[in-house]
Amino acid sequence: MILSQLAYGELSPPEVKMELVKDPKGMKAIAEYDRPREKLHALGAGKLSNAELLAILLCTGSSELSVLDLCRKIMKSVKDEPARLLNRTAEDFCQYAGIGVAKAATLLAALELGRRVFPSAQ
């Protein structure tokens, strides 16, 4: 319906607005080829750091920290050993600004999947 309205001139296309970002923060401040999702698609998951993999799961950081900085902080707290994340609880993850119950649940679910794939990691 909308396509036919556009085709017959009954509906004008939306105006495209370009937004100039003066002081980029978060992912906008990172070169596209260094962003975790783009890097994963280009190079494969094996080429990402532990913090970058975690950042893909969390998606966003907080007003103080980008998602990558938040994940670097989390990984630093476990000495960059992902297996140590298995001992963390939702409450532990929620201590970080930017992680609430939904993100903590995402992390716990991902960790549980890993635990089920590799039962000896318990």
C-alpha atoms as a PDB file:
ATOM      1  CA  MET A   1       0.000   0.000   0.000  1.00  0.00           C
ATOM      2  CA  ILE A   2       2.692   2.494   0.996  1.00  0.00           C
ATOM      3  CA  LEU A   3       4.848   1.575  -1.984  1.00  0.00           C
ATOM      4  CA  SER A   4       1.992   2.183  -4.409  1.00  0.00           C
ATOM      5  CA  GLN A   5       1.263   5.538  -2.748  1.00  0.00           C
ATOM      6  CA  LEU A   6       4.913   6.497  -3.183  1.00  0.00           C
ATOM      7  CA  ALA A   7       4.914   5.281  -6.806  1.00  0.00           C
ATOM      8  CA  TYR A   8       1.834   7.316  -7.750  1.00  0.00           C
ATOM      9  CA  GLY A   9       2.921  10.456  -5.926  1.00  0.00           C
ATOM     10  CA  GLU A  10       0.225  10.262  -3.264  1.00  0.00           C
ATOM     11  CA  LEU A  11       2.840  10.090  -0.532  1.00  0.00           C
ATOM     12  CA  SER A  12       6.121  11.955  -0.385  1.00  0.00           C
ATOM     13  CA  PRO A  13       9.228  10.138   0.850  1.00  0.00           C
ATOM     14  CA  PRO A  14      10.452  11.061   4.331  1.00  0.00           C
ATOM     15  CA  GLU A  15      13.083  13.760   4.524  1.00  0.00           C
ATOM     16  CA  VAL A  16      16.527  12.362   5.269  1.00  0.00           C
ATOM     17  CA  LYS A  17      18.327  14.279   7.991  1.00  0.00           C
ATOM     18  CA  MET A  18      22.054  14.024   8.496  1.00  0.00           C
ATOM     19  CA  GLU A  19      23.211  14.509  12.042  1.00  0.00           C
ATOM     20  CA  LEU A  20      26.673  15.898  12.721  1.00  0.00           C
ATOM     21  CA  VAL A  21      28.152  14.367  15.848  1.00  0.00           C
ATOM     22  CA  LYS A  22      30.433  16.981  17.430  1.00  0.00           C
ATOM     23  CA  ASP A  23      31.660  14.988  20.416  1.00  0.00           C
ATOM     24  CA  PRO A  24      31.180  11.293  19.686  1.00  0.00           C
ATOM     25  CA  LYS A  25      30.860   8.948  22.624  1.00  0.00           C
ATOM     26  CA  GLY A  26      30.523   5.227  22.922  1.00  0.00           C
ATOM     27  CA  MET A  27      30.685   3.205  19.712  1.00  0.00           C
ATOM     28  CA  LYS A  28      30.507   6.343  17.553  1.00  0.00           C
ATOM     29  CA  ALA A  29      33.937   7.316  18.887  1.00  0.00           C
ATOM     30  CA  ILE A  30      35.442   4.014  17.717  1.00  0.00           C
ATOM     31  CA  ALA A  31      36.457   3.443  14.119  1.00  0.00           C
ATOM     32  CA  GLU A  32      33.955   1.175  12.397  1.00  0.00           C
ATOM     33  CA  TYR A  33      36.511  -1.585  11.764  1.00  0.00           C
ATOM     34  CA  ASP A  34      37.356  -1.654  15.502  1.00  0.00           C
ATOM     35  CA  ARG A  35      33.753  -2.022  16.688  1.00  0.00           C
ATOM     36  CA  PRO A  36      33.115  -5.481  18.168  1.00  0.00           C
ATOM     37  CA  ARG A  37      30.215  -6.540  15.924  1.00  0.00           C
ATOM     38  CA  GLU A  38      31.864  -5.327  12.742  1.00  0.00           C
ATOM     39  CA  LYS A  39      35.149  -6.903  13.783  1.00  0.00           C
ATOM     40  CA  LEU A  40      33.408 -10.215  14.469  1.00  0.00           C
ATOM     41  CA  HIS A  41      31.834 -10.231  11.019  1.00  0.00           C
ATOM     42  CA  ALA A  42      35.084  -9.269   9.320  1.00  0.00           C
ATOM     43  CA  LEU A  43      37.573 -11.416  11.228  1.00  0.00           C
ATOM     44  CA  GLY A  44      35.579 -14.050  13.105  1.00  0.00           C
ATOM     45  CA  ALA A  45      34.844 -14.439  16.807  1.00  0.00           C
ATOM     46  CA  GLY A  46      38.232 -16.012  17.496  1.00  0.00           C
ATOM     47  CA  LYS A  47      39.991 -12.715  16.765  1.00  0.00           C
ATOM     48  CA  LEU A  48      38.060 -10.716  19.383  1.00  0.00           C
ATOM     49  CA  SER A  49      39.251 -10.074  22.910  1.00  0.00           C
ATOM     50  CA  ASN A  50      37.243 -11.354  25.848  1.00  0.00           C
ATOM     51  CA  ALA A  51      36.030  -7.813  26.530  1.00  0.00           C
ATOM     52  CA  GLU A  52      34.890  -7.393  22.911  1.00  0.00           C
ATOM     53  CA  LEU A  53      32.913 -10.650  23.023  1.00  0.00           C
ATOM     54  CA  LEU A  54      31.302  -9.561  26.277  1.00  0.00           C
ATOM     55  CA  ALA A  55      30.505  -6.152  24.753  1.00  0.00           C
ATOM     56  CA  ILE A  56      28.532  -7.835  21.972  1.00  0.00           C
ATOM     57  CA  LEU A  57      26.365  -9.527  24.596  1.00  0.00           C
ATOM     58  CA  LEU A  58      25.782  -6.347  26.611  1.00  0.00           C
ATOM     59  CA  CYS A  59      25.213  -3.982  23.629  1.00  0.00           C
ATOM     60  CA  THR A  60      25.379  -0.780  25.668  1.00  0.00           C
ATOM     61  CA  GLY A  61      27.393   0.674  28.505  1.00  0.00           C
ATOM     62  CA  SER A  62      26.440   3.405  30.920  1.00  0.00           C
ATOM     63  CA  SER A  63      26.485   7.182  30.835  1.00  0.00           C
ATOM     64  CA  GLU A  64      29.983   7.046  32.353  1.00  0.00           C
ATOM     65  CA  LEU A  65      31.474   4.136  30.401  1.00  0.00           C
ATOM     66  CA  SER A  66      31.235   2.837  26.862  1.00  0.00           C
ATOM     67  CA  VAL A  67      30.254  -0.798  26.586  1.00  0.00           C
ATOM     68  CA  LEU A  68      33.866  -1.685  25.754  1.00  0.00           C
ATOM     69  CA  ASP A  69      35.217   0.163  28.791  1.00  0.00           C
ATOM     70  CA  LEU A  70      32.585  -1.496  30.983  1.00  0.00           C
ATOM     71  CA  CYS A  71      33.524  -4.931  29.662  1.00  0.00           C
ATOM     72  CA  ARG A  72      37.239  -4.257  30.062  1.00  0.00           C
ATOM     73  CA  LYS A  73      36.513  -3.375  33.685  1.00  0.00           C
ATOM     74  CA  ILE A  74      34.567  -6.617  34.179  1.00  0.00           C
ATOM     75  CA  MET A  75      37.282  -8.704  32.542  1.00  0.00           C
ATOM     76  CA  LYS A  76      39.967  -6.964  34.603  1.00  0.00           C
ATOM     77  CA  SER A  77      38.056  -7.958  37.748  1.00  0.00           C
ATOM     78  CA  VAL A  78      38.434 -11.626  36.747  1.00  0.00           C
ATOM     79  CA  LYS A  79      42.058 -11.191  35.581  1.00  0.00           C
ATOM     80  CA  ASP A  80      40.879 -11.611  31.952  1.00  0.00           C
ATOM     81  CA  GLU A  81      39.982 -15.253  32.636  1.00  0.00           C
ATOM     82  CA  PRO A  82      36.473 -15.899  31.236  1.00  0.00           C
ATOM     83  CA  ALA A  83      36.106 -19.087  33.304  1.00  0.00           C
ATOM     84  CA  ARG A  84      36.074 -16.931  36.441  1.00  0.00           C
ATOM     85  CA  LEU A  85      32.847 -15.331  35.204  1.00  0.00           C
ATOM     86  CA  LEU A  86      31.131 -18.671  35.887  1.00  0.00           C
ATOM     87  CA  ASN A  87      31.350 -17.939  39.619  1.00  0.00           C
ATOM     88  CA  ARG A  88      29.619 -14.570  39.332  1.00  0.00           C
ATOM     89  CA  THR A  89      25.994 -14.014  40.271  1.00  0.00           C
ATOM     90  CA  ALA A  90      23.426 -11.573  38.942  1.00  0.00           C
ATOM     91  CA  GLU A  91      24.079  -9.425  42.002  1.00  0.00           C
ATOM     92  CA  ASP A  92      27.803  -9.364  41.200  1.00  0.00           C
ATOM     93  CA  PHE A  93      27.149  -8.159  37.666  1.00  0.00           C
ATOM     94  CA  CYS A  94      24.584  -5.589  38.827  1.00  0.00           C
ATOM     95  CA  GLN A  95      27.282  -3.885  40.908  1.00  0.00           C
ATOM     96  CA  TYR A  96      28.607  -2.360  37.675  1.00  0.00           C
ATOM     97  CA  ALA A  97      27.023   0.880  36.475  1.00  0.00           C
ATOM     98  CA  GLY A  98      25.200   0.058  33.267  1.00  0.00           C
ATOM     99  CA  ILE A  99      24.278  -3.505  34.176  1.00  0.00           C
ATOM    100  CA  GLY A 100      20.814  -4.182  35.490  1.00  0.00           C
ATOM    101  CA  VAL A 101      18.832  -7.368  35.885  1.00  0.00           C
ATOM    102  CA  ALA A 102      18.206  -7.747  32.125  1.00  0.00           C
ATOM    103  CA  LYS A 103      21.881  -7.538  31.151  1.00  0.00           C
ATOM    104  CA  ALA A 104      22.871  -9.716  34.103  1.00  0.00           C
ATOM    105  CA  ALA A 105      20.359 -12.308  32.891  1.00  0.00           C
ATOM    106  CA  THR A 106      21.866 -12.173  29.389  1.00  0.00           C
ATOM    107  CA  LEU A 107      25.331 -12.786  30.800  1.00  0.00           C
ATOM    108  CA  LEU A 108      24.172 -15.607  33.066  1.00  0.00           C
ATOM    109  CA  ALA A 109      22.331 -17.263  30.173  1.00  0.00           C
ATOM    110  CA  ALA A 110      25.404 -17.061  27.922  1.00  0.00           C
ATOM    111  CA  LEU A 111      27.589 -18.457  30.694  1.00  0.00           C
ATOM    112  CA  GLU A 112      25.140 -21.306  31.304  1.00  0.00           C
ATOM    113  CA  LEU A 113      25.164 -22.171  27.596  1.00  0.00           C
ATOM    114  CA  GLY A 114      28.944 -22.297  27.733  1.00  0.00           C
ATOM    115  CA  ARG A 115      28.783 -24.456  30.838  1.00  0.00           C
ATOM    116  CA  ARG A 116      26.444 -26.888  29.052  1.00  0.00           C
ATOM    117  CA  VAL A 117      28.681 -27.082  25.992  1.00  0.00           C
ATOM    118  CA  PHE A 118      31.763 -27.662  28.144  1.00  0.00           C
ATOM    119  CA  PRO A 119      30.543 -29.405  31.334  1.00  0.00           C
ATOM    120  CA  SER A 120      34.117 -29.865  32.557  1.00  0.00           C
ATOM    121  CA  ALA A 121      34.423 -26.046  32.935  1.00  0.00           C
ATOM    122  CA  GLN A 122      32.405 -26.122  36.159  1.00  0.00           C
END
